[in-house]
Amino acid sequence: MKLQRQLDDINGQMVHEVFTASKTSAAGLDGWEPAELRLLSRKTCDWIAKLYNEIEVTGRWPKS
């Protein structure tokens, strides 16, 4: 039997808190450095949260 767990939606505040709490380190595979993520606006974090929630619902990442 496969267990399913309902997660709360991700919101812009959550994304912003994670980005601003990140420590200085090397860039990820996408080339973004933590220092750059800390500069993103709350509006941008809201959009990123919507994207993450859509990925959770559909199980698909957008094509680049």
N, C-alpha and C. Protein backbone atom coordinates (compact mmCIF):
# COMPACT_ATOMS: atom_id res chain seq x y z
N MET A 1 0.84 -1.17 0.00
CA MET A 1 0.00 0.00 0.00
C MET A 1 0.89 1.25 0.00
N LYS A 2 0.61 2.16 -0.90
CA LYS A 2 1.37 3.39 -1.00
C LYS A 2 0.73 4.46 -0.11
N LEU A 3 1.51 5.02 0.78
CA LEU A 3 1.01 6.08 1.66
C LEU A 3 1.10 7.42 0.95
N GLN A 4 0.06 8.20 1.08
CA GLN A 4 0.06 9.54 0.52
C GLN A 4 -0.06 10.53 1.66
N ARG A 5 0.64 11.62 1.52
CA ARG A 5 0.62 12.64 2.55
C ARG A 5 0.27 13.97 1.91
N GLN A 6 -0.67 14.67 2.48
CA GLN A 6 -1.06 15.97 1.97
C GLN A 6 -0.14 17.03 2.58
N LEU A 7 0.50 17.79 1.73
CA LEU A 7 1.37 18.86 2.18
C LEU A 7 0.66 20.19 2.04
N ASP A 8 0.98 21.11 2.93
CA ASP A 8 0.45 22.46 2.81
C ASP A 8 1.08 23.13 1.59
N ASP A 9 0.34 24.06 1.00
CA ASP A 9 0.88 24.82 -0.12
C ASP A 9 2.11 25.60 0.31
N ILE A 10 3.03 25.72 -0.60
CA ILE A 10 4.21 26.57 -0.40
C ILE A 10 3.76 28.00 -0.68
N ASN A 11 4.20 28.94 0.15
CA ASN A 11 3.86 30.33 -0.11
C ASN A 11 5.11 31.19 -0.26
N GLY A 12 4.93 32.39 -0.75
CA GLY A 12 6.05 33.28 -1.00
C GLY A 12 6.87 33.59 0.24
N GLN A 13 6.20 33.68 1.38
CA GLN A 13 6.92 33.94 2.64
C GLN A 13 7.88 32.80 2.96
N MET A 14 7.43 31.56 2.75
CA MET A 14 8.30 30.40 2.98
C MET A 14 9.53 30.45 2.09
N VAL A 15 9.30 30.71 0.81
CA VAL A 15 10.41 30.77 -0.15
C VAL A 15 11.38 31.88 0.26
N HIS A 16 10.84 33.04 0.58
CA HIS A 16 11.68 34.18 0.97
C HIS A 16 12.51 33.86 2.21
N GLU A 17 11.90 33.22 3.19
CA GLU A 17 12.62 32.86 4.42
C GLU A 17 13.76 31.89 4.14
N VAL A 18 13.52 30.90 3.27
CA VAL A 18 14.58 29.94 2.94
C VAL A 18 15.70 30.64 2.19
N PHE A 19 15.35 31.48 1.24
CA PHE A 19 16.37 32.18 0.46
C PHE A 19 17.20 33.12 1.34
N THR A 20 16.55 33.86 2.23
CA THR A 20 17.30 34.82 3.04
C THR A 20 18.10 34.14 4.14
N ALA A 21 17.74 32.92 4.52
CA ALA A 21 18.48 32.19 5.55
C ALA A 21 19.65 31.39 4.98
N SER A 22 19.74 31.31 3.67
CA SER A 22 20.79 30.49 3.06
C SER A 22 22.16 31.10 3.30
N LYS A 23 23.12 30.23 3.51
CA LYS A 23 24.49 30.66 3.76
C LYS A 23 25.24 30.78 2.44
N THR A 24 26.31 31.52 2.47
CA THR A 24 27.13 31.69 1.28
C THR A 24 27.75 30.35 0.91
N SER A 25 27.58 29.98 -0.35
CA SER A 25 28.17 28.74 -0.85
C SER A 25 28.27 28.85 -2.37
N ALA A 26 28.74 27.79 -2.96
CA ALA A 26 28.89 27.77 -4.42
C ALA A 26 27.51 27.74 -5.08
N ALA A 27 27.49 28.12 -6.32
CA ALA A 27 26.24 28.10 -7.09
C ALA A 27 25.76 26.67 -7.27
N GLY A 28 24.45 26.54 -7.45
CA GLY A 28 23.86 25.24 -7.72
C GLY A 28 24.04 24.86 -9.18
N LEU A 29 23.48 23.73 -9.57
CA LEU A 29 23.58 23.28 -10.96
C LEU A 29 22.94 24.27 -11.93
N ASP A 30 22.00 25.06 -11.42
CA ASP A 30 21.33 26.05 -12.27
C ASP A 30 22.13 27.35 -12.39
N GLY A 31 23.23 27.46 -11.66
CA GLY A 31 24.08 28.65 -11.73
C GLY A 31 23.72 29.74 -10.74
N TRP A 32 22.62 29.59 -10.00
CA TRP A 32 22.21 30.60 -9.02
C TRP A 32 23.02 30.43 -7.74
N GLU A 33 23.55 31.54 -7.25
CA GLU A 33 24.26 31.55 -5.98
C GLU A 33 23.30 31.98 -4.87
N PRO A 34 23.50 31.50 -3.64
CA PRO A 34 22.64 31.91 -2.54
C PRO A 34 22.55 33.43 -2.37
N ALA A 35 23.64 34.12 -2.59
CA ALA A 35 23.61 35.59 -2.46
C ALA A 35 22.65 36.21 -3.46
N GLU A 36 22.54 35.62 -4.64
CA GLU A 36 21.60 36.13 -5.65
C GLU A 36 20.16 35.84 -5.24
N LEU A 37 19.92 34.66 -4.68
CA LEU A 37 18.57 34.31 -4.24
C LEU A 37 18.09 35.23 -3.12
N ARG A 38 19.02 35.66 -2.25
CA ARG A 38 18.66 36.57 -1.17
C ARG A 38 18.19 37.92 -1.68
N LEU A 39 18.55 38.28 -2.90
CA LEU A 39 18.17 39.57 -3.47
C LEU A 39 16.79 39.56 -4.14
N LEU A 40 16.19 38.40 -4.29
CA LEU A 40 14.90 38.32 -4.97
C LEU A 40 13.80 38.99 -4.14
N SER A 41 12.91 39.67 -4.82
CA SER A 41 11.81 40.38 -4.16
C SER A 41 10.77 39.40 -3.64
N ARG A 42 9.91 39.89 -2.74
CA ARG A 42 8.80 39.07 -2.24
C ARG A 42 7.87 38.68 -3.38
N LYS A 43 7.65 39.58 -4.33
CA LYS A 43 6.78 39.30 -5.47
C LYS A 43 7.36 38.12 -6.28
N THR A 44 8.66 38.12 -6.48
CA THR A 44 9.31 37.02 -7.20
C THR A 44 9.19 35.72 -6.40
N CYS A 45 9.34 35.80 -5.09
CA CYS A 45 9.20 34.61 -4.24
C CYS A 45 7.77 34.07 -4.30
N ASP A 46 6.78 34.97 -4.42
CA ASP A 46 5.38 34.53 -4.58
C ASP A 46 5.24 33.73 -5.88
N TRP A 47 5.85 34.21 -6.95
CA TRP A 47 5.77 33.52 -8.24
C TRP A 47 6.46 32.15 -8.16
N ILE A 48 7.62 32.11 -7.51
CA ILE A 48 8.35 30.85 -7.36
C ILE A 48 7.51 29.85 -6.56
N ALA A 49 6.83 30.33 -5.52
CA ALA A 49 5.96 29.45 -4.72
C ALA A 49 4.84 28.88 -5.59
N LYS A 50 4.25 29.70 -6.44
CA LYS A 50 3.19 29.21 -7.34
C LYS A 50 3.75 28.13 -8.27
N LEU A 51 4.95 28.35 -8.77
CA LEU A 51 5.60 27.37 -9.64
C LEU A 51 5.81 26.05 -8.89
N TYR A 52 6.35 26.11 -7.68
CA TYR A 52 6.58 24.90 -6.89
C TYR A 52 5.26 24.16 -6.61
N ASN A 53 4.21 24.90 -6.30
CA ASN A 53 2.91 24.26 -6.05
C ASN A 53 2.37 23.58 -7.30
N GLU A 54 2.55 24.20 -8.45
CA GLU A 54 2.10 23.58 -9.71
C GLU A 54 2.88 22.28 -9.97
N ILE A 55 4.16 22.30 -9.67
CA ILE A 55 4.99 21.10 -9.84
C ILE A 55 4.51 19.99 -8.90
N GLU A 56 4.15 20.36 -7.66
CA GLU A 56 3.64 19.37 -6.70
C GLU A 56 2.34 18.74 -7.18
N VAL A 57 1.47 19.55 -7.77
CA VAL A 57 0.16 19.06 -8.23
C VAL A 57 0.30 18.17 -9.46
N THR A 58 1.11 18.61 -10.42
CA THR A 58 1.20 17.89 -11.71
C THR A 58 2.27 16.82 -11.72
N GLY A 59 3.29 16.98 -10.87
CA GLY A 59 4.43 16.05 -10.89
C GLY A 59 5.37 16.30 -12.05
N ARG A 60 5.19 17.43 -12.73
CA ARG A 60 6.05 17.74 -13.89
C ARG A 60 6.74 19.08 -13.71
N TRP A 61 8.02 19.08 -14.06
CA TRP A 61 8.77 20.34 -14.09
C TRP A 61 8.62 20.96 -15.46
N PRO A 62 8.56 22.29 -15.53
CA PRO A 62 8.44 22.94 -16.84
C PRO A 62 9.70 22.73 -17.67
N LYS A 63 9.54 22.71 -18.97
CA LYS A 63 10.69 22.60 -19.85
C LYS A 63 11.39 23.95 -19.93
N SER A 64 12.69 23.93 -20.01
CA SER A 64 13.42 25.19 -20.08
C SER A 64 13.52 25.70 -21.50
